[in-house]
Amino acid sequence: MGRRRNPENAWMPPHVARYKNGYRFRKHGEPTKHIAGPGASQAEVWVAYEKFLAGLVQKTFTFADLVELYFAPPSTPNI
């Protein structure tokens, strides 16, 4: 478990940090992304965070997908 946030930064979404040019999303294994400017309100930071997370959603690879790949016809190479 990580350390507690500074009380003045407790309102920020998870993995969001304040830096000199505004707010950014930083999480291990994910791209670092500037999400809001330095003058952004708390609501603007949350909205930018939610928009950023919506763009990261990926389809989960299931067993059904694996079966479809197995039974799919082989693709022909371009010769």
Protein backbone atom coordinates (compact mmCIF):
# COMPACT_ATOMS: atom_id res chain seq x y z
CA MET A 1 0.00 0.00 0.00
CA GLY A 2 1.32 3.41 -0.92
CA ARG A 3 1.77 6.43 1.25
CA ARG A 4 -1.02 8.89 1.92
CA ARG A 5 -1.41 11.94 -0.26
CA ASN A 6 -0.87 15.45 0.91
CA PRO A 7 -4.30 16.65 2.19
CA GLU A 8 -4.40 19.51 -0.33
CA ASN A 9 -3.99 16.96 -3.17
CA ALA A 10 -6.43 14.38 -1.78
CA TRP A 11 -9.20 15.54 -4.15
CA MET A 12 -7.25 14.45 -7.26
CA PRO A 13 -8.07 11.22 -9.09
CA PRO A 14 -5.83 8.18 -8.62
CA HIS A 15 -2.46 8.35 -10.42
CA VAL A 16 -2.87 12.08 -11.16
CA ALA A 17 -0.14 14.43 -9.99
CA ARG A 18 0.34 18.16 -10.10
CA TYR A 19 3.45 19.44 -11.86
CA LYS A 20 4.67 22.81 -13.14
CA ASN A 21 2.63 22.72 -16.38
CA GLY A 22 -0.62 21.43 -14.88
CA TYR A 23 -1.81 17.92 -14.09
CA ARG A 24 -0.64 14.61 -15.52
CA PHE A 25 -1.59 10.96 -15.35
CA ARG A 26 1.28 8.68 -14.36
CA LYS A 27 0.86 4.96 -13.78
CA HIS A 28 3.33 2.15 -14.16
CA GLY A 29 2.75 0.43 -17.49
CA GLU A 30 0.66 3.25 -18.93
CA PRO A 31 1.76 6.29 -20.94
CA THR A 32 2.37 9.55 -19.05
CA LYS A 33 -0.16 12.06 -20.30
CA HIS A 34 -0.76 15.75 -19.63
CA ILE A 35 -4.48 16.00 -18.87
CA ALA A 36 -5.10 19.57 -17.68
CA GLY A 37 -3.45 22.97 -17.48
CA PRO A 38 -2.20 24.64 -14.30
CA GLY A 39 -5.29 26.82 -13.94
CA ALA A 40 -7.80 23.96 -14.24
CA SER A 41 -10.49 23.55 -11.61
CA GLN A 42 -11.04 20.31 -9.73
CA ALA A 43 -14.01 19.47 -11.96
CA GLU A 44 -11.98 20.06 -15.14
CA VAL A 45 -9.23 17.75 -13.87
CA TRP A 46 -11.77 14.99 -13.10
CA VAL A 47 -13.42 15.36 -16.53
CA ALA A 48 -10.04 15.20 -18.29
CA TYR A 49 -9.12 12.13 -16.22
CA GLU A 50 -12.35 10.33 -17.16
CA LYS A 51 -11.88 11.17 -20.86
CA PHE A 52 -8.32 9.86 -20.74
CA LEU A 53 -9.39 6.60 -19.09
CA ALA A 54 -12.17 6.14 -21.65
CA GLY A 55 -9.51 6.15 -24.38
CA LEU A 56 -7.46 3.45 -22.64
CA VAL A 57 -10.21 0.83 -22.51
CA GLN A 58 -9.17 -2.30 -24.37
CA LYS A 59 -11.17 -5.36 -25.30
CA THR A 60 -10.50 -8.34 -23.08
CA PHE A 61 -9.17 -11.35 -24.98
CA THR A 62 -11.40 -14.30 -24.08
CA PHE A 63 -11.42 -18.03 -24.72
CA ALA A 64 -14.11 -17.50 -27.38
CA ASP A 65 -11.72 -15.19 -29.25
CA LEU A 66 -9.06 -17.90 -29.12
CA VAL A 67 -11.47 -20.48 -30.56
CA GLU A 68 -12.40 -18.08 -33.38
CA LEU A 69 -8.73 -17.59 -34.22
CA TYR A 70 -8.16 -21.36 -34.24
CA PHE A 71 -11.03 -22.09 -36.62
CA ALA A 72 -10.56 -19.05 -38.84
CA PRO A 73 -9.33 -19.78 -42.36
CA PRO A 74 -5.63 -19.13 -42.83
CA SER A 75 -4.82 -15.83 -44.43
CA THR A 76 -2.97 -16.02 -47.72
CA PRO A 77 0.29 -14.09 -47.98
CA ASN A 78 0.59 -11.41 -50.65
CA ILE A 79 3.00 -12.82 -53.20
